[in-house]
Amino acid sequence: MLMLTTPVPQGFNFRSVVDSHGWRSLAPFMWDAEGGVLRRIHQLADGTLLDLFMHPGGITLTPTVERLSATQMIAIEQDIRQMLSMDWDMSAAYAALGQHTRYQWLATACAGRLLVGPTVWEDLAKTLLTTNTTWRQTIAMNARLCQLGDALGDAHAFPTPERIAAMNEDDLQTAIRAGYRTAYLHELAKRIAHGELDVESWRQLPSEAIYQVVLGLKGFGNYAAGTMVRLLGHFDRLAIDTECRAAYKRVTGSETATDQEIKAYYGQFGLHQGLAMWMDIMSD
């Protein structure tokens, strides 16, 4: 077992990231609440598998090869920083939202960073599986999808788009039982695997461009596009769903929660409206 220590930004809070949303419950993430350890069967771009354990004191990992190269160690650190959103600059959000009493706790708690996948593909697939369903069903569909990835012991890494693209759509449906989402997931995987979509390049795009390109994908509507904008570190968009409507009613005391009402309320927070909305949801 190897120990890896990576520099963390000032004000970084590991537990806040893990608790930021439901991704900790989606394979290949495995959350040990009692031990405070986030485990993941992780696959590097070169195919190497790792049993990765992330905790406040550092990172421990068990590779499937005798020795990791310097290049592989750099890739591991980059993936960890990506998954824990370590390089997000939260200072502007804290300053802006700190002017509102309701959100002054954010800076103190070092909240706002999100747990994300190491690849845009993984976050796209998981987001698709959250659409028009319950959270329990999302967890189950995602678990079945993850079973298609390379195995390490009794757990699996998240499947690559190439793995999913190589499958027959009917076989994929039998494996993951994701209903209409299966066809959209299969097409997305094929477009990425065949080089038609360079989704990793979206990290360099501004918020509006990300929103529009995701909205252009089959199966991804306004909610899913807004979610991907947030997972890529932008908070100037809302992702309105039933949880958002419930949070809006709770915060404002309103008996109704139309899209127009929600946008009008959170619009006051400008570039950080998506973060304000998400903190209201997660604080419930």
Protein backbone atom coordinates (compact mmCIF):
# COMPACT_ATOMS: atom_id res chain seq x y z
CA MET A 1 0.00 0.00 0.00
CA LEU A 2 1.32 3.43 -0.94
CA MET A 3 0.70 6.75 0.78
CA LEU A 4 0.21 9.89 -1.28
CA THR A 5 0.02 13.38 0.15
CA THR A 6 -1.16 16.18 -2.10
CA PRO A 7 -1.13 19.88 -1.20
CA VAL A 8 -4.58 21.22 -0.41
CA PRO A 9 -5.77 24.80 -0.83
CA GLN A 10 -6.38 26.99 2.17
CA GLY A 11 -9.86 26.42 3.51
CA PHE A 12 -10.26 22.97 1.94
CA ASN A 13 -12.62 20.68 3.86
CA PHE A 14 -12.58 17.02 2.84
CA ARG A 15 -15.80 16.10 4.62
CA SER A 16 -17.62 19.08 3.10
CA VAL A 17 -16.71 17.83 -0.37
CA VAL A 18 -17.82 14.28 0.37
CA ASP A 19 -21.11 15.55 1.79
CA SER A 20 -21.65 18.02 -1.07
CA HIS A 21 -24.15 15.81 -2.93
CA GLY A 22 -25.09 12.24 -3.64
CA TRP A 23 -22.10 11.24 -5.77
CA ARG A 24 -20.50 9.57 -2.74
CA SER A 25 -23.28 6.95 -2.98
CA LEU A 26 -22.65 6.23 -6.65
CA ALA A 27 -20.18 3.52 -7.64
CA PRO A 28 -17.29 3.33 -7.96
CA PHE A 29 -17.28 5.67 -4.95
CA MET A 30 -17.87 3.86 -1.65
CA TRP A 31 -18.32 5.98 1.47
CA ASP A 32 -17.41 4.62 4.90
CA ALA A 33 -19.19 7.07 7.18
CA GLU A 34 -17.88 5.50 10.38
CA GLY A 35 -14.26 5.59 9.27
CA GLY A 36 -14.56 8.81 7.31
CA VAL A 37 -12.94 7.20 4.27
CA LEU A 38 -13.99 7.57 0.66
CA ARG A 39 -12.96 4.49 -1.31
CA ARG A 40 -12.90 4.15 -5.06
CA ILE A 41 -11.78 1.52 -7.53
CA HIS A 42 -9.96 3.86 -9.84
CA GLN A 43 -8.68 3.27 -13.35
CA LEU A 44 -5.99 5.44 -14.87
CA ALA A 45 -6.08 6.41 -18.54
CA ASP A 46 -3.47 3.72 -19.25
CA GLY A 47 -5.77 1.05 -17.81
CA THR A 48 -3.99 0.58 -14.47
CA LEU A 49 -6.38 -0.22 -11.63
CA LEU A 50 -6.03 1.17 -8.11
CA ASP A 51 -7.87 0.62 -4.87
CA LEU A 52 -7.96 4.22 -3.70
CA PHE A 53 -8.76 5.38 -0.18
CA MET A 54 -9.23 9.11 0.38
CA HIS A 55 -9.40 10.59 3.87
CA PRO A 56 -8.52 13.87 5.60
CA GLY A 57 -5.02 12.66 6.49
CA GLY A 58 -4.04 11.86 2.93
CA ILE A 59 -4.50 9.22 0.26
CA THR A 60 -3.63 5.55 0.45
CA LEU A 61 -3.73 3.34 -2.60
CA THR A 62 -3.10 -0.24 -3.59
CA PRO A 63 -2.10 -0.57 -7.26
CA THR A 64 -2.38 -3.71 -9.35
CA VAL A 65 1.20 -3.31 -10.57
CA GLU A 66 4.42 -3.66 -8.55
CA ARG A 67 5.61 -0.14 -9.19
CA LEU A 68 3.92 3.04 -10.34
CA SER A 69 5.84 5.31 -12.66
CA ALA A 70 6.33 9.02 -12.03
CA THR A 71 3.86 9.69 -14.84
CA GLN A 72 1.26 7.47 -13.20
CA MET A 73 1.76 9.13 -9.81
CA ILE A 74 1.22 12.54 -11.40
CA ALA A 75 -1.95 11.24 -13.09
CA ILE A 76 -3.25 9.88 -9.77
CA GLU A 77 -2.68 13.20 -8.02
CA GLN A 78 -4.36 15.09 -10.86
CA ASP A 79 -7.38 12.78 -10.70
CA ILE A 80 -7.66 13.16 -6.93
CA ARG A 81 -7.49 16.94 -7.16
CA GLN A 82 -10.13 16.79 -9.88
CA MET A 83 -12.50 14.53 -7.92
CA LEU A 84 -12.24 16.65 -4.77
CA SER A 85 -12.46 19.96 -6.67
CA MET A 86 -9.31 21.11 -4.92
CA ASP A 87 -8.46 23.67 -7.58
CA TRP A 88 -11.78 25.49 -7.50
CA ASP A 89 -11.33 29.06 -6.29
CA MET A 90 -14.20 29.66 -3.89
CA SER A 91 -13.11 33.11 -2.69
CA ALA A 92 -15.44 35.11 -4.95
CA ALA A 93 -18.42 32.93 -4.03
CA TYR A 94 -17.70 33.24 -0.32
CA ALA A 95 -17.34 37.01 -0.60
CA ALA A 96 -20.54 37.46 -2.59
CA LEU A 97 -22.76 35.04 -0.69
CA GLY A 98 -21.26 36.15 2.61
CA GLN A 99 -23.15 39.41 2.19
CA HIS A 100 -26.34 37.44 2.80
CA THR A 101 -26.90 36.22 6.36
CA ARG A 102 -28.33 32.91 5.15
CA TYR A 103 -25.05 31.92 3.47
CA GLN A 104 -22.43 33.32 5.80
CA TRP A 105 -21.78 29.80 7.08
CA LEU A 106 -20.33 28.71 3.74
CA ALA A 107 -16.91 30.27 4.24
CA THR A 108 -16.71 29.08 7.85
CA ALA A 109 -17.58 25.52 6.83
CA CYS A 110 -15.40 25.71 3.70
CA ALA A 111 -18.42 24.43 1.76
CA GLY A 112 -19.22 24.65 -1.93
CA ARG A 113 -16.71 22.34 -3.57
CA LEU A 114 -18.36 19.28 -5.10
CA LEU A 115 -17.36 15.65 -5.34
CA VAL A 116 -17.11 14.92 -9.06
CA GLY A 117 -15.88 12.21 -11.36
CA PRO A 118 -12.33 12.22 -12.71
CA THR A 119 -13.74 12.41 -16.23
CA VAL A 120 -16.51 14.42 -17.81
CA TRP A 121 -17.79 11.15 -19.27
CA GLU A 122 -18.42 9.70 -15.82
CA ASP A 123 -20.31 12.79 -14.66
CA LEU A 124 -22.36 12.88 -17.86
CA ALA A 125 -23.35 9.24 -17.47
CA LYS A 126 -24.28 9.67 -13.82
CA THR A 127 -26.22 12.84 -14.52
CA LEU A 128 -28.19 11.09 -17.26
CA LEU A 129 -29.12 8.37 -14.77
CA THR A 130 -30.59 10.97 -12.39
CA THR A 131 -33.15 12.21 -14.91
CA ASN A 132 -36.85 11.45 -14.43
CA THR A 133 -36.33 8.88 -11.71
CA THR A 134 -35.85 8.42 -7.99
CA TRP A 135 -32.50 8.58 -6.22
CA ARG A 136 -32.84 4.93 -5.21
CA GLN A 137 -33.25 3.94 -8.85
CA THR A 138 -30.30 6.13 -9.86
CA ILE A 139 -28.07 4.32 -7.37
CA ALA A 140 -29.22 0.94 -8.70
CA MET A 141 -28.81 1.84 -12.38
CA ASN A 142 -25.38 3.30 -11.76
CA ALA A 143 -24.30 0.24 -9.76
CA ARG A 144 -25.29 -2.01 -12.66
CA LEU A 145 -23.45 0.25 -15.10
CA CYS A 146 -20.32 0.12 -12.95
CA GLN A 147 -20.41 -3.69 -13.03
CA LEU A 148 -19.41 -3.36 -16.69
CA GLY A 149 -16.07 -1.78 -15.77
CA ASP A 150 -12.84 -3.66 -15.09
CA ALA A 151 -12.91 -5.57 -11.81
CA LEU A 152 -10.55 -5.33 -8.88
CA GLY A 153 -11.55 -7.95 -6.34
CA ASP A 154 -15.29 -7.74 -5.83
CA ALA A 155 -15.60 -4.13 -7.03
CA HIS A 156 -15.29 -2.42 -10.38
CA ALA A 157 -13.93 0.74 -11.93
CA PHE A 158 -16.29 2.97 -13.86
CA PRO A 159 -16.57 1.64 -17.44
CA THR A 160 -14.84 3.60 -20.16
CA PRO A 161 -16.89 5.02 -23.03
CA GLU A 162 -15.01 2.62 -25.29
CA ARG A 163 -16.29 -0.33 -23.24
CA ILE A 164 -19.89 0.86 -23.45
CA ALA A 165 -19.63 1.81 -27.12
CA ALA A 166 -18.41 -1.69 -27.99
CA MET A 167 -21.54 -3.27 -26.55
CA ASN A 168 -24.72 -3.99 -28.43
CA GLU A 169 -27.45 -1.63 -27.25
CA ASP A 170 -29.77 -4.50 -26.36
CA ASP A 171 -27.05 -6.13 -24.27
CA LEU A 172 -26.41 -2.82 -22.54
CA GLN A 173 -30.09 -2.48 -21.72
CA THR A 174 -30.18 -5.99 -20.31
CA ALA A 175 -27.15 -5.20 -18.15
CA ILE A 176 -28.10 -1.82 -16.71
CA ARG A 177 -31.91 -1.75 -17.11
CA ALA A 178 -31.97 2.04 -17.50
CA GLY A 179 -35.02 2.29 -19.73
CA TYR A 180 -34.97 5.01 -22.38
CA ARG A 181 -31.69 6.33 -20.93
CA THR A 182 -29.80 3.31 -22.27
CA ALA A 183 -30.04 4.45 -25.88
CA TYR A 184 -28.85 7.95 -24.97
CA LEU A 185 -25.97 6.58 -22.89
CA HIS A 186 -24.94 4.23 -25.69
CA GLU A 187 -24.95 7.02 -28.27
CA LEU A 188 -22.99 9.31 -25.96
CA ALA A 189 -20.37 6.61 -25.38
CA LYS A 190 -20.02 5.97 -29.12
CA ARG A 191 -19.60 9.67 -29.92
CA ILE A 192 -16.88 9.99 -27.29
CA ALA A 193 -15.14 6.73 -28.19
CA HIS A 194 -15.12 7.55 -31.90
CA GLY A 195 -13.66 11.00 -31.33
CA GLU A 196 -16.75 12.94 -32.34
CA LEU A 197 -17.05 14.50 -28.88
CA ASP A 198 -14.06 15.75 -26.88
CA VAL A 199 -15.88 16.16 -23.59
CA GLU A 200 -12.72 16.80 -21.57
CA SER A 201 -12.20 20.01 -23.54
CA TRP A 202 -15.41 21.33 -21.99
CA ARG A 203 -13.43 22.10 -18.84
CA GLN A 204 -11.99 25.11 -20.65
CA LEU A 205 -15.37 26.40 -21.88
CA PRO A 206 -17.35 29.21 -20.27
CA SER A 207 -20.57 28.35 -18.50
CA GLU A 208 -22.95 29.26 -21.32
CA ALA A 209 -21.00 27.21 -23.85
CA ILE A 210 -21.05 24.16 -21.55
CA TYR A 211 -24.77 24.57 -21.02
CA GLN A 212 -25.49 24.72 -24.74
CA VAL A 213 -23.27 21.80 -25.73
CA VAL A 214 -24.77 19.55 -23.04
CA LEU A 215 -28.26 20.66 -24.01
CA GLY A 216 -27.45 19.46 -27.52
CA LEU A 217 -26.94 15.89 -26.31
CA LYS A 218 -29.85 13.48 -26.65
CA GLY A 219 -31.50 12.87 -23.30
CA PHE A 220 -30.07 15.97 -21.62
CA GLY A 221 -32.55 18.74 -20.88
CA ASN A 222 -32.30 21.95 -18.89
CA TYR A 223 -31.92 20.19 -15.54
CA ALA A 224 -29.12 17.91 -16.77
CA ALA A 225 -27.33 20.74 -18.56
CA GLY A 226 -27.53 22.91 -15.45
CA THR A 227 -26.19 20.04 -13.35
CA MET A 228 -23.19 19.55 -15.64
CA VAL A 229 -22.43 23.26 -15.54
CA ARG A 230 -22.29 23.00 -11.74
CA LEU A 231 -20.15 19.85 -11.77
CA LEU A 232 -17.66 21.68 -13.99
CA GLY A 233 -17.30 24.43 -11.44
CA HIS A 234 -19.73 27.12 -12.62
CA PHE A 235 -22.59 28.36 -10.45
CA ASP A 236 -24.34 30.91 -12.64
CA ARG A 237 -26.98 28.39 -13.78
CA LEU A 238 -29.82 26.67 -11.97
CA ALA A 239 -30.74 23.01 -12.30
CA ILE A 240 -34.40 22.98 -11.35
CA ASP A 241 -35.93 19.69 -10.23
CA THR A 242 -38.26 18.47 -7.50
CA GLU A 243 -35.58 18.88 -4.82
CA CYS A 244 -34.99 22.46 -5.90
CA ARG A 245 -38.70 23.23 -5.77
CA ALA A 246 -38.98 21.76 -2.27
CA ALA A 247 -36.00 23.79 -1.06
CA TYR A 248 -37.40 26.98 -2.58
CA LYS A 249 -40.72 26.49 -0.78
CA ARG A 250 -38.96 25.79 2.50
CA VAL A 251 -36.67 28.81 2.23
CA THR A 252 -39.26 31.32 1.03
CA GLY A 253 -42.43 29.95 2.57
CA SER A 254 -44.08 30.05 -0.83
CA GLU A 255 -46.86 27.59 -1.58
CA THR A 256 -45.87 27.51 -5.26
CA ALA A 257 -42.52 26.94 -6.94
CA THR A 258 -42.68 27.68 -10.65
CA ASP A 259 -39.54 27.96 -12.75
CA GLN A 260 -40.17 31.69 -13.06
CA GLU A 261 -40.47 32.14 -9.29
CA ILE A 262 -37.34 30.13 -8.59
CA LYS A 263 -35.28 31.97 -11.20
CA ALA A 264 -36.48 35.33 -9.90
CA TYR A 265 -35.52 34.48 -6.33
CA TYR A 266 -32.10 32.98 -6.99
CA GLY A 267 -31.30 35.53 -9.67
CA GLN A 268 -30.37 37.97 -6.91
CA PHE A 269 -27.23 35.91 -6.29
CA GLY A 270 -25.93 36.45 -9.82
CA LEU A 271 -22.92 34.35 -10.78
CA HIS A 272 -23.36 32.30 -7.60
CA GLN A 273 -27.09 31.56 -7.81
CA GLY A 274 -26.50 27.88 -8.52
CA LEU A 275 -24.38 27.55 -5.40
CA ALA A 276 -26.96 29.35 -3.26
CA MET A 277 -29.65 27.04 -4.59
CA TRP A 278 -27.56 23.92 -4.04
CA MET A 279 -26.66 24.89 -0.48
CA ASP A 280 -30.36 25.38 0.24
CA ILE A 281 -31.06 21.90 -1.08
CA MET A 282 -28.23 20.22 0.82
CA SER A 283 -28.95 22.04 4.08
CA ASP A 284 -32.38 20.41 4.29
